[in-house]
Amino acid sequence: MRPSFQPRLINEPLADPGLFIPFLHQRRALMFDLGDLSNLAPRDLVKITHVFVTHTHMDHFIGFDTLLRALLGREKILHLYGPGSFFKHVEGKLSGYTWNLVNEFENRFMIQVNEVHPDKIFTRNYICRDRFVSKAPALSRPFHGSLLEEPSFKVQAVLLDHRIPCLGLSLTENFYVNIIKEELKALRLPVGPWINRFKAAIYQGMDPASDFVVTWEDSGHVTKEKSFKLGALIRRIARISPGQKIAYVTDVLGDAENAKKIVELAQGASRFFVEAAFLDSQKEIAKRKYHLTAREAGDLAGRACVKHFDLFHFSPRNQGRATELEREAGEAYKTARSQSKIQNSL
């Protein structure tokens, strides 16, 4: 059973952070952080609809220009999320270029920027044809941990301490719809775009008694269709199971307050992408720089009872020491996971 989204770090652990999250059978992807994007092909960049930036230090935001260049002139809305002062930093990027020719673009490209504060999210729109000058005051809505909610998934965040506010992120799939190919063959239905429409009907909770029409083109490009009751088709061709959850945390101090928020955010994650900048022997440096050690990363993963964790964002000081970092994190994970199981059984 293949998951609906397949996250992958875009660079090796010593390079810039960035998590690319493409969706299966869709021309769509999300991004957590915008470090150096040179390892992403243009066909990947144009799939990106939403970007969640933990903070705007250069190694987490330098890829913005690359993404902007790939999307200019397209009929698209790019949604950006970041912590306090995000408007200022995005506007600084946009003001660095001359936009006197953008009125010649036929398509309407817009960037919607969301600035996340402890209790509110502020939103502004920057339209390409307006030379990316926001002409309306920011709108606001309450923030209670959720950044984005769609029928099939949600993205949540917590504000963490990196001397500046820094977002910790999670992506949770509500449930997973697996298509039983043997049943498709039995019904003589081809795989095609209709499957995404079928899954959307399930995620949106449409009435099982409603009609659902499967349409496709045969080899002669003749449109064919078959009609089913949605509930009957679900029972026949779909297997529904719990969805996956991923969490992403980087550039944070390993103190008790951050740890509590991170464990809650990552609880039960299928995969946890967590920085491990330093070794435990370098923990004083880690504290000064507001980063996690490998031991702290493994401990957080164990306390959150995640199924698998991936280390990234190693300090250049630890060039060639990946094995040590992974060993320290692995030992801490096993210890913390065992303790969590004991506490949960009491």
C-alpha atoms as a PDB file:
ATOM      1  CA  MET A   1       0.000   0.000   0.000  1.00  0.00           C
ATOM      2  CA  ARG A   2       1.581   3.241  -1.153  1.00  0.00           C
ATOM      3  CA  PRO A   3       0.999   6.355   0.988  1.00  0.00           C
ATOM      4  CA  SER A   4      -0.755   9.399  -0.468  1.00  0.00           C
ATOM      5  CA  PHE A   5       2.259  11.652   0.025  1.00  0.00           C
ATOM      6  CA  GLN A   6       5.923  10.708  -0.120  1.00  0.00           C
ATOM      7  CA  PRO A   7       8.168  13.204   1.704  1.00  0.00           C
ATOM      8  CA  ARG A   8      11.859  13.446   0.949  1.00  0.00           C
ATOM      9  CA  LEU A   9      14.648  15.726   2.111  1.00  0.00           C
ATOM     10  CA  ILE A  10      15.953  17.649  -0.883  1.00  0.00           C
ATOM     11  CA  ASN A  11      19.582  17.842   0.277  1.00  0.00           C
ATOM     12  CA  GLU A  12      22.061  15.742   2.201  1.00  0.00           C
ATOM     13  CA  PRO A  13      22.218  16.362   5.982  1.00  0.00           C
ATOM     14  CA  LEU A  14      25.082  18.884   5.888  1.00  0.00           C
ATOM     15  CA  ALA A  15      23.354  21.074   3.285  1.00  0.00           C
ATOM     16  CA  ASP A  16      20.345  23.405   3.416  1.00  0.00           C
ATOM     17  CA  PRO A  17      17.109  22.085   4.923  1.00  0.00           C
ATOM     18  CA  GLY A  18      14.012  21.445   2.850  1.00  0.00           C
ATOM     19  CA  LEU A  19      11.361  18.740   2.750  1.00  0.00           C
ATOM     20  CA  PHE A  20       9.579  18.113  -0.560  1.00  0.00           C
ATOM     21  CA  ILE A  21       6.182  16.416  -0.191  1.00  0.00           C
ATOM     22  CA  PRO A  22       4.642  15.313  -3.509  1.00  0.00           C
ATOM     23  CA  PHE A  23       1.152  13.788  -3.619  1.00  0.00           C
ATOM     24  CA  LEU A  24       0.585  10.454  -5.335  1.00  0.00           C
ATOM     25  CA  HIS A  25      -1.248  10.690  -8.681  1.00  0.00           C
ATOM     26  CA  GLN A  26      -1.529  14.468  -8.382  1.00  0.00           C
ATOM     27  CA  ARG A  27       0.401  17.350  -9.893  1.00  0.00           C
ATOM     28  CA  ARG A  28       0.767  18.836  -6.447  1.00  0.00           C
ATOM     29  CA  ALA A  29       3.381  19.120  -3.715  1.00  0.00           C
ATOM     30  CA  LEU A  30       4.015  20.931  -0.436  1.00  0.00           C
ATOM     31  CA  MET A  31       7.331  22.208   0.928  1.00  0.00           C
ATOM     32  CA  PHE A  32       8.608  22.549   4.471  1.00  0.00           C
ATOM     33  CA  ASP A  33      11.418  25.150   4.314  1.00  0.00           C
ATOM     34  CA  LEU A  34      13.073  26.685   1.261  1.00  0.00           C
ATOM     35  CA  GLY A  35      16.791  26.010   1.433  1.00  0.00           C
ATOM     36  CA  ASP A  36      18.829  25.501  -1.736  1.00  0.00           C
ATOM     37  CA  LEU A  37      16.361  24.028  -4.286  1.00  0.00           C
ATOM     38  CA  SER A  38      18.875  23.125  -6.994  1.00  0.00           C
ATOM     39  CA  ASN A  39      18.207  19.400  -6.504  1.00  0.00           C
ATOM     40  CA  LEU A  40      14.552  19.824  -7.470  1.00  0.00           C
ATOM     41  CA  ALA A  41      13.714  19.627 -11.163  1.00  0.00           C
ATOM     42  CA  PRO A  42      11.483  22.304 -12.745  1.00  0.00           C
ATOM     43  CA  ARG A  43       8.704  19.698 -13.040  1.00  0.00           C
ATOM     44  CA  ASP A  44       8.843  19.363  -9.241  1.00  0.00           C
ATOM     45  CA  LEU A  45       8.916  23.092  -8.549  1.00  0.00           C
ATOM     46  CA  VAL A  46       5.772  23.800 -10.578  1.00  0.00           C
ATOM     47  CA  LYS A  47       3.827  21.255  -8.485  1.00  0.00           C
ATOM     48  CA  ILE A  48       4.345  23.247  -5.272  1.00  0.00           C
ATOM     49  CA  THR A  49       1.183  24.947  -4.002  1.00  0.00           C
ATOM     50  CA  HIS A  50       1.973  25.597  -0.309  1.00  0.00           C
ATOM     51  CA  VAL A  51       5.278  26.364   1.417  1.00  0.00           C
ATOM     52  CA  PHE A  52       5.736  26.409   5.196  1.00  0.00           C
ATOM     53  CA  VAL A  53       8.910  28.241   6.232  1.00  0.00           C
ATOM     54  CA  THR A  54      10.120  27.539   9.766  1.00  0.00           C
ATOM     55  CA  HIS A  55      12.025  30.855   9.895  1.00  0.00           C
ATOM     56  CA  THR A  56      13.855  33.120   7.474  1.00  0.00           C
ATOM     57  CA  HIS A  57      17.509  32.449   8.202  1.00  0.00           C
ATOM     58  CA  MET A  58      19.263  32.273   4.840  1.00  0.00           C
ATOM     59  CA  ASP A  59      19.685  28.477   4.721  1.00  0.00           C
ATOM     60  CA  HIS A  60      15.911  28.041   5.172  1.00  0.00           C
ATOM     61  CA  PHE A  61      14.719  30.730   2.753  1.00  0.00           C
ATOM     62  CA  ILE A  62      17.286  31.227   0.017  1.00  0.00           C
ATOM     63  CA  GLY A  63      15.320  28.955  -2.340  1.00  0.00           C
ATOM     64  CA  PHE A  64      12.436  31.428  -2.534  1.00  0.00           C
ATOM     65  CA  ASP A  65      13.939  33.118  -5.595  1.00  0.00           C
ATOM     66  CA  THR A  66      14.342  29.791  -7.407  1.00  0.00           C
ATOM     67  CA  LEU A  67      10.721  28.869  -6.762  1.00  0.00           C
ATOM     68  CA  LEU A  68       9.472  32.329  -7.744  1.00  0.00           C
ATOM     69  CA  ARG A  69      11.350  32.164 -11.039  1.00  0.00           C
ATOM     70  CA  ALA A  70       9.817  28.763 -11.846  1.00  0.00           C
ATOM     71  CA  LEU A  71       6.264  29.987 -11.199  1.00  0.00           C
ATOM     72  CA  LEU A  72       6.303  33.437 -12.845  1.00  0.00           C
ATOM     73  CA  GLY A  73       3.827  33.728 -15.687  1.00  0.00           C
ATOM     74  CA  ARG A  74       1.735  30.738 -14.540  1.00  0.00           C
ATOM     75  CA  GLU A  75      -1.923  30.662 -13.607  1.00  0.00           C
ATOM     76  CA  LYS A  76      -1.299  29.834  -9.980  1.00  0.00           C
ATOM     77  CA  ILE A  77      -1.590  30.880  -6.356  1.00  0.00           C
ATOM     78  CA  LEU A  78       1.440  30.140  -4.192  1.00  0.00           C
ATOM     79  CA  HIS A  79       0.603  30.003  -0.483  1.00  0.00           C
ATOM     80  CA  LEU A  80       3.435  30.890   1.907  1.00  0.00           C
ATOM     81  CA  TYR A  81       3.433  30.515   5.703  1.00  0.00           C
ATOM     82  CA  GLY A  82       6.040  31.813   8.127  1.00  0.00           C
ATOM     83  CA  PRO A  83       6.450  33.236  11.657  1.00  0.00           C
ATOM     84  CA  GLY A  84       6.427  36.873  12.815  1.00  0.00           C
ATOM     85  CA  SER A  85       7.913  39.503  10.425  1.00  0.00           C
ATOM     86  CA  PHE A  86       7.294  37.176   7.464  1.00  0.00           C
ATOM     87  CA  PHE A  87       5.581  39.926   5.445  1.00  0.00           C
ATOM     88  CA  LYS A  88       8.655  42.120   5.756  1.00  0.00           C
ATOM     89  CA  HIS A  89      11.016  39.373   4.662  1.00  0.00           C
ATOM     90  CA  VAL A  90       8.929  38.294   1.657  1.00  0.00           C
ATOM     91  CA  GLU A  91       8.466  41.919   0.611  1.00  0.00           C
ATOM     92  CA  GLY A  92      12.217  42.423   0.883  1.00  0.00           C
ATOM     93  CA  LYS A  93      12.765  39.564  -1.543  1.00  0.00           C
ATOM     94  CA  LEU A  94      10.144  40.836  -3.971  1.00  0.00           C
ATOM     95  CA  SER A  95      11.406  44.426  -3.870  1.00  0.00           C
ATOM     96  CA  GLY A  96      14.856  43.293  -5.000  1.00  0.00           C
ATOM     97  CA  TYR A  97      13.692  42.915  -8.623  1.00  0.00           C
ATOM     98  CA  THR A  98      12.296  45.198 -11.331  1.00  0.00           C
ATOM     99  CA  TRP A  99       8.749  44.217 -12.364  1.00  0.00           C
ATOM    100  CA  ASN A 100       8.028  46.638 -15.211  1.00  0.00           C
ATOM    101  CA  LEU A 101       7.220  43.814 -17.696  1.00  0.00           C
ATOM    102  CA  VAL A 102       4.854  41.669 -15.620  1.00  0.00           C
ATOM    103  CA  ASN A 103       1.730  43.322 -17.054  1.00  0.00           C
ATOM    104  CA  GLU A 104       2.551  41.453 -20.291  1.00  0.00           C
ATOM    105  CA  PHE A 105       1.947  38.069 -18.675  1.00  0.00           C
ATOM    106  CA  GLU A 106      -1.329  36.521 -19.830  1.00  0.00           C
ATOM    107  CA  ASN A 107      -1.755  34.401 -16.715  1.00  0.00           C
ATOM    108  CA  ARG A 108      -2.557  35.617 -13.225  1.00  0.00           C
ATOM    109  CA  PHE A 109       0.062  34.595 -10.665  1.00  0.00           C
ATOM    110  CA  MET A 110      -0.397  35.528  -7.015  1.00  0.00           C
ATOM    111  CA  ILE A 111       1.475  34.906  -3.773  1.00  0.00           C
ATOM    112  CA  GLN A 112      -0.645  34.645  -0.653  1.00  0.00           C
ATOM    113  CA  VAL A 113       1.501  35.215   2.424  1.00  0.00           C
ATOM    114  CA  ASN A 114       0.418  34.065   5.879  1.00  0.00           C
ATOM    115  CA  GLU A 115       2.240  35.407   8.946  1.00  0.00           C
ATOM    116  CA  VAL A 116       1.807  33.195  12.020  1.00  0.00           C
ATOM    117  CA  HIS A 117       1.628  34.711  15.507  1.00  0.00           C
ATOM    118  CA  PRO A 118       0.835  33.002  18.836  1.00  0.00           C
ATOM    119  CA  ASP A 119      -2.911  33.632  18.583  1.00  0.00           C
ATOM    120  CA  LYS A 120      -3.546  34.932  15.039  1.00  0.00           C
ATOM    121  CA  ILE A 121      -2.618  34.405  11.404  1.00  0.00           C
ATOM    122  CA  PHE A 122      -2.424  37.512   9.195  1.00  0.00           C
ATOM    123  CA  THR A 123      -2.788  37.187   5.418  1.00  0.00           C
ATOM    124  CA  ARG A 124      -1.814  39.439   2.519  1.00  0.00           C
ATOM    125  CA  ASN A 125      -1.975  38.909  -1.240  1.00  0.00           C
ATOM    126  CA  TYR A 126       0.792  39.929  -3.659  1.00  0.00           C
ATOM    127  CA  ILE A 127      -0.354  39.875  -7.295  1.00  0.00           C
ATOM    128  CA  CYS A 128       2.222  39.619 -10.061  1.00  0.00           C
ATOM    129  CA  ARG A 129       0.423  42.086 -12.374  1.00  0.00           C
ATOM    130  CA  ASP A 130       0.438  44.613  -9.530  1.00  0.00           C
ATOM    131  CA  ARG A 131       4.226  44.281  -9.366  1.00  0.00           C
ATOM    132  CA  PHE A 132       3.803  42.305  -6.130  1.00  0.00           C
ATOM    133  CA  VAL A 133       2.655  45.356  -4.172  1.00  0.00           C
ATOM    134  CA  SER A 134      -0.008  44.442  -1.618  1.00  0.00           C
ATOM    135  CA  LYS A 135      -2.853  46.944  -1.999  1.00  0.00           C
ATOM    136  CA  ALA A 136      -5.152  45.850   0.822  1.00  0.00           C
ATOM    137  CA  PRO A 137      -4.697  45.640   4.584  1.00  0.00           C
ATOM    138  CA  ALA A 138      -3.892  42.258   6.050  1.00  0.00           C
ATOM    139  CA  LEU A 139      -6.796  40.012   7.004  1.00  0.00           C
ATOM    140  CA  SER A 140      -6.630  38.060  10.251  1.00  0.00           C
ATOM    141  CA  ARG A 141      -8.051  34.855  11.626  1.00  0.00           C
ATOM    142  CA  PRO A 142      -7.567  33.033  14.941  1.00  0.00           C
ATOM    143  CA  PHE A 143      -4.683  30.578  15.221  1.00  0.00           C
ATOM    144  CA  HIS A 144      -5.241  27.495  17.349  1.00  0.00           C
ATOM    145  CA  GLY A 145      -2.518  25.280  15.886  1.00  0.00           C
ATOM    146  CA  SER A 146      -3.902  24.605  12.408  1.00  0.00           C
ATOM    147  CA  LEU A 147      -2.418  26.339   9.353  1.00  0.00           C
ATOM    148  CA  LEU A 148      -4.203  24.493   6.559  1.00  0.00           C
ATOM    149  CA  GLU A 149      -7.139  22.092   6.566  1.00  0.00           C
ATOM    150  CA  GLU A 150      -8.387  20.233   3.505  1.00  0.00           C
ATOM    151  CA  PRO A 151     -10.756  17.252   3.294  1.00  0.00           C
ATOM    152  CA  SER A 152      -7.897  14.741   3.092  1.00  0.00           C
ATOM    153  CA  PHE A 153      -5.225  16.301   5.344  1.00  0.00           C
ATOM    154  CA  LYS A 154      -4.236  19.111   7.671  1.00  0.00           C
ATOM    155  CA  VAL A 155      -1.006  20.989   8.420  1.00  0.00           C
ATOM    156  CA  GLN A 156      -0.444  22.056  12.021  1.00  0.00           C
ATOM    157  CA  ALA A 157       2.251  24.141  13.667  1.00  0.00           C
ATOM    158  CA  VAL A 158       3.702  25.209  16.978  1.00  0.00           C
ATOM    159  CA  LEU A 159       5.878  28.228  17.643  1.00  0.00           C
ATOM    160  CA  LEU A 160       9.278  27.193  19.021  1.00  0.00           C
ATOM    161  CA  ASP A 161      12.264  29.110  20.370  1.00  0.00           C
ATOM    162  CA  HIS A 162      15.361  29.659  18.183  1.00  0.00           C
ATOM    163  CA  ARG A 163      16.076  33.091  19.714  1.00  0.00           C
ATOM    164  CA  ILE A 164      13.400  34.062  17.210  1.00  0.00           C
ATOM    165  CA  PRO A 165      10.033  32.363  16.635  1.00  0.00           C
ATOM    166  CA  CYS A 166      10.445  29.189  14.590  1.00  0.00           C
ATOM    167  CA  LEU A 167       7.668  26.928  13.319  1.00  0.00           C
ATOM    168  CA  GLY A 168       7.536  23.220  14.095  1.00  0.00           C
ATOM    169  CA  LEU A 169       5.320  21.493  11.530  1.00  0.00           C
ATOM    170  CA  SER A 170       3.217  18.378  11.069  1.00  0.00           C
ATOM    171  CA  LEU A 171       1.195  17.009   8.151  1.00  0.00           C
ATOM    172  CA  THR A 172      -1.563  14.541   9.016  1.00  0.00           C
ATOM    173  CA  GLU A 173      -3.607  12.548   6.536  1.00  0.00           C
ATOM    174  CA  ASN A 174      -7.173  12.055   7.771  1.00  0.00           C
ATOM    175  CA  PHE A 175      -7.333   8.530   6.334  1.00  0.00           C
ATOM    176  CA  TYR A 176      -5.910   6.693   3.349  1.00  0.00           C
ATOM    177  CA  VAL A 177      -7.934   5.368   0.412  1.00  0.00           C
ATOM    178  CA  ASN A 178      -6.277   2.451  -1.358  1.00  0.00           C
ATOM    179  CA  ILE A 179      -7.771   1.326  -4.683  1.00  0.00           C
ATOM    180  CA  ILE A 180      -8.117  -2.437  -5.146  1.00  0.00           C
ATOM    181  CA  LYS A 181      -6.854  -2.959  -8.696  1.00  0.00           C
ATOM    182  CA  GLU A 182      -8.233  -6.502  -8.963  1.00  0.00           C
ATOM    183  CA  GLU A 183     -11.729  -5.115  -8.420  1.00  0.00           C
ATOM    184  CA  LEU A 184     -11.141  -2.413 -11.016  1.00  0.00           C
ATOM    185  CA  LYS A 185     -10.305  -5.130 -13.527  1.00  0.00           C
ATOM    186  CA  ALA A 186     -13.368  -7.128 -12.533  1.00  0.00           C
ATOM    187  CA  LEU A 187     -15.537  -4.061 -13.179  1.00  0.00           C
ATOM    188  CA  ARG A 188     -13.595  -3.280 -16.371  1.00  0.00           C
ATOM    189  CA  LEU A 189     -12.677   0.165 -15.118  1.00  0.00           C
ATOM    190  CA  PRO A 190      -9.358   1.733 -16.137  1.00  0.00           C
ATOM    191  CA  VAL A 191      -7.048   3.681 -13.843  1.00  0.00           C
ATOM    192  CA  GLY A 192      -7.397   7.357 -14.615  1.00  0.00           C
ATOM    193  CA  PRO A 193      -8.131  10.897 -13.367  1.00  0.00           C
ATOM    194  CA  TRP A 194     -11.569   9.786 -12.179  1.00  0.00           C
ATOM    195  CA  ILE A 195      -9.886   8.051  -9.230  1.00  0.00           C
ATOM    196  CA  ASN A 196      -8.817  11.398  -7.753  1.00  0.00           C
ATOM    197  CA  ARG A 197     -12.418  12.587  -8.112  1.00  0.00           C
ATOM    198  CA  PHE A 198     -13.607   9.374  -6.450  1.00  0.00           C
ATOM    199  CA  LYS A 199     -11.209   9.827  -3.527  1.00  0.00           C
ATOM    200  CA  ALA A 200     -12.252  13.478  -3.173  1.00  0.00           C
ATOM    201  CA  ALA A 201     -15.885  12.366  -2.866  1.00  0.00           C
ATOM    202  CA  ILE A 202     -14.887  10.047  -0.010  1.00  0.00           C
ATOM    203  CA  TYR A 203     -12.791  12.681   1.783  1.00  0.00           C
ATOM    204  CA  GLN A 204     -15.598  15.224   1.453  1.00  0.00           C
ATOM    205  CA  GLY A 205     -18.098  12.812   2.993  1.00  0.00           C
ATOM    206  CA  MET A 206     -20.517  12.771   0.056  1.00  0.00           C
ATOM    207  CA  ASP A 207     -23.777  10.864   0.489  1.00  0.00           C
ATOM    208  CA  PRO A 208     -23.137   7.135  -0.182  1.00  0.00           C
ATOM    209  CA  ALA A 209     -26.534   6.954  -1.868  1.00  0.00           C
ATOM    210  CA  SER A 210     -25.546   9.584  -4.453  1.00  0.00           C
ATOM    211  CA  ASP A 211     -24.638   8.677  -8.009  1.00  0.00           C
ATOM    212  CA  PHE A 212     -20.995   8.598  -9.047  1.00  0.00           C
ATOM    213  CA  VAL A 213     -20.134   8.524 -12.748  1.00  0.00           C
ATOM    214  CA  VAL A 214     -16.812   7.028 -13.866  1.00  0.00           C
ATOM    215  CA  THR A 215     -15.632   8.564 -17.149  1.00  0.00           C
ATOM    216  CA  TRP A 216     -12.624   7.720 -19.303  1.00  0.00           C
ATOM    217  CA  GLU A 217     -11.419   7.695 -22.892  1.00  0.00           C
ATOM    218  CA  ASP A 218     -10.789   4.441 -24.731  1.00  0.00           C
ATOM    219  CA  SER A 219      -7.955   3.860 -27.208  1.00  0.00           C
ATOM    220  CA  GLY A 220      -9.972   5.592 -29.904  1.00  0.00           C
ATOM    221  CA  HIS A 221     -10.413   8.686 -27.714  1.00  0.00           C
ATOM    222  CA  VAL A 222     -14.104   7.958 -27.355  1.00  0.00           C
ATOM    223  CA  THR A 223     -15.467   9.044 -23.956  1.00  0.00           C
ATOM    224  CA  LYS A 224     -17.085   6.216 -22.015  1.00  0.00           C
ATOM    225  CA  GLU A 225     -18.857   6.201 -18.679  1.00  0.00           C
ATOM    226  CA  LYS A 226     -20.406   3.938 -16.074  1.00  0.00           C
ATOM    227  CA  SER A 227     -22.650   5.003 -13.212  1.00  0.00           C
ATOM    228  CA  PHE A 228     -22.554   3.576  -9.687  1.00  0.00           C
ATOM    229  CA  LYS A 229     -23.966   4.366  -6.272  1.00  0.00           C
ATOM    230  CA  LEU A 230     -21.028   5.919  -4.437  1.00  0.00           C
ATOM    231  CA  GLY A 231     -21.352   3.682  -1.366  1.00  0.00           C
ATOM    232  CA  ALA A 232     -21.497   0.505  -3.463  1.00  0.00           C
ATOM    233  CA  LEU A 233     -18.399   1.555  -5.413  1.00  0.00           C
ATOM    234  CA  ILE A 234     -16.533   2.359  -2.186  1.00  0.00           C
ATOM    235  CA  ARG A 235     -17.315  -1.089  -0.775  1.00  0.00           C
ATOM    236  CA  ARG A 236     -16.214  -2.736  -4.011  1.00  0.00           C
ATOM    237  CA  ILE A 237     -12.961  -1.004  -4.946  1.00  0.00           C
ATOM    238  CA  ALA A 238     -11.707   0.962  -1.895  1.00  0.00           C
ATOM    239  CA  ARG A 239      -9.819  -0.091   1.203  1.00  0.00           C
ATOM    240  CA  ILE A 240      -9.809   2.701   3.812  1.00  0.00           C
ATOM    241  CA  SER A 241      -7.118   2.739   6.505  1.00  0.00           C
ATOM    242  CA  PRO A 242      -5.648   5.250   8.985  1.00  0.00           C
ATOM    243  CA  GLY A 243      -3.604   7.972   7.307  1.00  0.00           C
ATOM    244  CA  GLN A 244       0.050   8.733   7.830  1.00  0.00           C
ATOM    245  CA  LYS A 245       1.518  11.612   9.796  1.00  0.00           C
ATOM    246  CA  ILE A 246       4.851  13.354   9.326  1.00  0.00           C
ATOM    247  CA  ALA A 247       6.481  15.953  11.569  1.00  0.00           C
ATOM    248  CA  TYR A 248       9.341  18.347  10.863  1.00  0.00           C
ATOM    249  CA  VAL A 249      11.410  20.213  13.456  1.00  0.00           C
ATOM    250  CA  THR A 250      14.630  22.139  12.977  1.00  0.00           C
ATOM    251  CA  ASP A 251      16.625  24.969  14.551  1.00  0.00           C
ATOM    252  CA  VAL A 252      15.318  24.891  18.102  1.00  0.00           C
ATOM    253  CA  LEU A 253      16.749  25.000  21.595  1.00  0.00           C
ATOM    254  CA  GLY A 254      16.521  21.689  23.418  1.00  0.00           C
ATOM    255  CA  ASP A 255      14.852  23.073  26.527  1.00  0.00           C
ATOM    256  CA  ALA A 256      11.813  21.752  28.411  1.00  0.00           C
ATOM    257  CA  GLU A 257       9.304  24.170  26.887  1.00  0.00           C
ATOM    258  CA  ASN A 258      10.310  23.394  23.302  1.00  0.00           C
ATOM    259  CA  ALA A 259      10.478  19.677  24.085  1.00  0.00           C
ATOM    260  CA  LYS A 260       6.921  19.589  25.417  1.00  0.00           C
ATOM    261  CA  LYS A 261       5.563  21.285  22.293  1.00  0.00           C
ATOM    262  CA  ILE A 262       7.603  19.062  19.955  1.00  0.00           C
ATOM    263  CA  VAL A 263       6.503  15.811  21.598  1.00  0.00           C
ATOM    264  CA  GLU A 264       2.858  16.850  21.316  1.00  0.00           C
ATOM    265  CA  LEU A 265       3.303  17.938  17.696  1.00  0.00           C
ATOM    266  CA  ALA A 266       5.095  14.746  16.596  1.00  0.00           C
ATOM    267  CA  GLN A 267       3.115  12.280  18.725  1.00  0.00           C
ATOM    268  CA  GLY A 268       2.650   8.990  16.875  1.00  0.00           C
ATOM    269  CA  ALA A 269       4.124  10.265  13.603  1.00  0.00           C
ATOM    270  CA  SER A 270       4.904   7.771  10.858  1.00  0.00           C
ATOM    271  CA  ARG A 271       8.051   9.774  10.090  1.00  0.00           C
ATOM    272  CA  PHE A 272       9.731  12.509  12.077  1.00  0.00           C
ATOM    273  CA  PHE A 273      12.280  14.724  10.326  1.00  0.00           C
ATOM    274  CA  VAL A 274      14.378  16.281  13.080  1.00  0.00           C
ATOM    275  CA  GLU A 275      17.604  18.249  13.119  1.00  0.00           C
ATOM    276  CA  ALA A 276      20.676  16.820  14.864  1.00  0.00           C
ATOM    277  CA  ALA A 277      23.170  19.616  14.537  1.00  0.00           C
ATOM    278  CA  PHE A 278      25.596  18.537  17.263  1.00  0.00           C
ATOM    279  CA  LEU A 279      26.856  15.574  19.257  1.00  0.00           C
ATOM    280  CA  ASP A 280      26.126  15.274  22.955  1.00  0.00           C
ATOM    281  CA  SER A 281      29.757  16.213  23.663  1.00  0.00           C
ATOM    282  CA  GLN A 282      29.008  19.524  21.904  1.00  0.00           C
ATOM    283  CA  LYS A 283      25.837  20.272  23.878  1.00  0.00           C
ATOM    284  CA  GLU A 284      27.153  23.582  25.241  1.00  0.00           C
ATOM    285  CA  ILE A 285      27.680  24.795  21.678  1.00  0.00           C
ATOM    286  CA  ALA A 286      24.188  23.540  20.807  1.00  0.00           C
ATOM    287  CA  LYS A 287      22.698  25.567  23.668  1.00  0.00           C
ATOM    288  CA  ARG A 288      24.535  28.720  22.624  1.00  0.00           C
ATOM    289  CA  LYS A 289      23.362  28.327  19.041  1.00  0.00           C
ATOM    290  CA  TYR A 290      19.828  27.201  19.968  1.00  0.00           C
ATOM    291  CA  HIS A 291      20.077  23.866  18.131  1.00  0.00           C
ATOM    292  CA  LEU A 292      19.396  20.245  19.066  1.00  0.00           C
ATOM    293  CA  THR A 293      21.988  17.570  19.718  1.00  0.00           C
ATOM    294  CA  ALA A 294      21.541  14.100  18.221  1.00  0.00           C
ATOM    295  CA  ARG A 295      20.783  12.743  21.676  1.00  0.00           C
ATOM    296  CA  GLU A 296      18.061  15.349  22.191  1.00  0.00           C
ATOM    297  CA  ALA A 297      16.633  14.576  18.748  1.00  0.00           C
ATOM    298  CA  GLY A 298      16.462  10.846  19.478  1.00  0.00           C
ATOM    299  CA  ASP A 299      14.967  11.463  22.900  1.00  0.00           C
ATOM    300  CA  LEU A 300      12.200  13.623  21.415  1.00  0.00           C
ATOM    301  CA  ALA A 301      11.473  10.974  18.767  1.00  0.00           C
ATOM    302  CA  GLY A 302      11.231   8.282  21.437  1.00  0.00           C
ATOM    303  CA  ARG A 303       9.036  10.332  23.771  1.00  0.00           C
ATOM    304  CA  ALA A 304       6.714  11.089  20.840  1.00  0.00           C
ATOM    305  CA  CYS A 305       6.590   7.351  19.985  1.00  0.00           C
ATOM    306  CA  VAL A 306       7.258   8.013  16.312  1.00  0.00           C
ATOM    307  CA  LYS A 307       7.632   4.986  14.051  1.00  0.00           C
ATOM    308  CA  HIS A 308      10.696   6.265  12.192  1.00  0.00           C
ATOM    309  CA  PHE A 309      12.872   9.360  12.381  1.00  0.00           C
ATOM    310  CA  ASP A 310      15.244  10.992   9.899  1.00  0.00           C
ATOM    311  CA  LEU A 311      18.131  13.177  11.041  1.00  0.00           C
ATOM    312  CA  PHE A 312      19.201  16.219   9.039  1.00  0.00           C
ATOM    313  CA  HIS A 313      20.773  19.681   9.290  1.00  0.00           C
ATOM    314  CA  PHE A 314      24.138  18.545  10.711  1.00  0.00           C
ATOM    315  CA  SER A 315      26.598  21.269  11.727  1.00  0.00           C
ATOM    316  CA  PRO A 316      29.613  21.625   9.400  1.00  0.00           C
ATOM    317  CA  ARG A 317      31.685  20.833  12.517  1.00  0.00           C
ATOM    318  CA  ASN A 318      30.415  17.263  12.176  1.00  0.00           C
ATOM    319  CA  GLN A 319      31.511  16.585   8.625  1.00  0.00           C
ATOM    320  CA  GLY A 320      32.159  12.842   8.376  1.00  0.00           C
ATOM    321  CA  ARG A 321      30.517  12.072  11.748  1.00  0.00           C
ATOM    322  CA  ALA A 322      27.076  10.993  10.549  1.00  0.00           C
ATOM    323  CA  THR A 323      27.491   7.520  12.048  1.00  0.00           C
ATOM    324  CA  GLU A 324      28.175   8.979  15.512  1.00  0.00           C
ATOM    325  CA  LEU A 325      25.185  11.292  15.268  1.00  0.00           C
ATOM    326  CA  GLU A 326      22.909   8.456  14.186  1.00  0.00           C
ATOM    327  CA  ARG A 327      24.207   6.170  16.935  1.00  0.00           C
ATOM    328  CA  GLU A 328      23.616   8.751  19.668  1.00  0.00           C
ATOM    329  CA  ALA A 329      20.127   9.497  18.379  1.00  0.00           C
ATOM    330  CA  GLY A 330      19.299   5.797  18.040  1.00  0.00           C
ATOM    331  CA  GLU A 331      20.354   5.005  21.614  1.00  0.00           C
ATOM    332  CA  ALA A 332      18.349   7.914  23.019  1.00  0.00           C
ATOM    333  CA  TYR A 333      15.321   6.916  20.935  1.00  0.00           C
ATOM    334  CA  LYS A 334      15.299   3.333  22.243  1.00  0.00           C
ATOM    335  CA  THR A 335      15.607   4.468  25.855  1.00  0.00           C
ATOM    336  CA  ALA A 336      12.898   7.138  25.606  1.00  0.00           C
ATOM    337  CA  ARG A 337      10.557   4.868  23.611  1.00  0.00           C
ATOM    338  CA  SER A 338      10.846   2.120  26.235  1.00  0.00           C
ATOM    339  CA  GLN A 339      10.138   4.578  29.031  1.00  0.00           C
ATOM    340  CA  SER A 340       7.111   5.936  27.163  1.00  0.00           C
ATOM    341  CA  LYS A 341       5.699   2.430  26.743  1.00  0.00           C
ATOM    342  CA  ILE A 342       6.104   1.737  30.447  1.00  0.00           C
ATOM    343  CA  GLN A 343       4.412   5.024  31.404  1.00  0.00           C
ATOM    344  CA  ASN A 344       1.546   4.412  28.990  1.00  0.00           C
ATOM    345  CA  SER A 345       0.947   0.953  30.440  1.00  0.00           C
ATOM    346  CA  LEU A 346       0.615   2.242  34.014  1.00  0.00           C
END
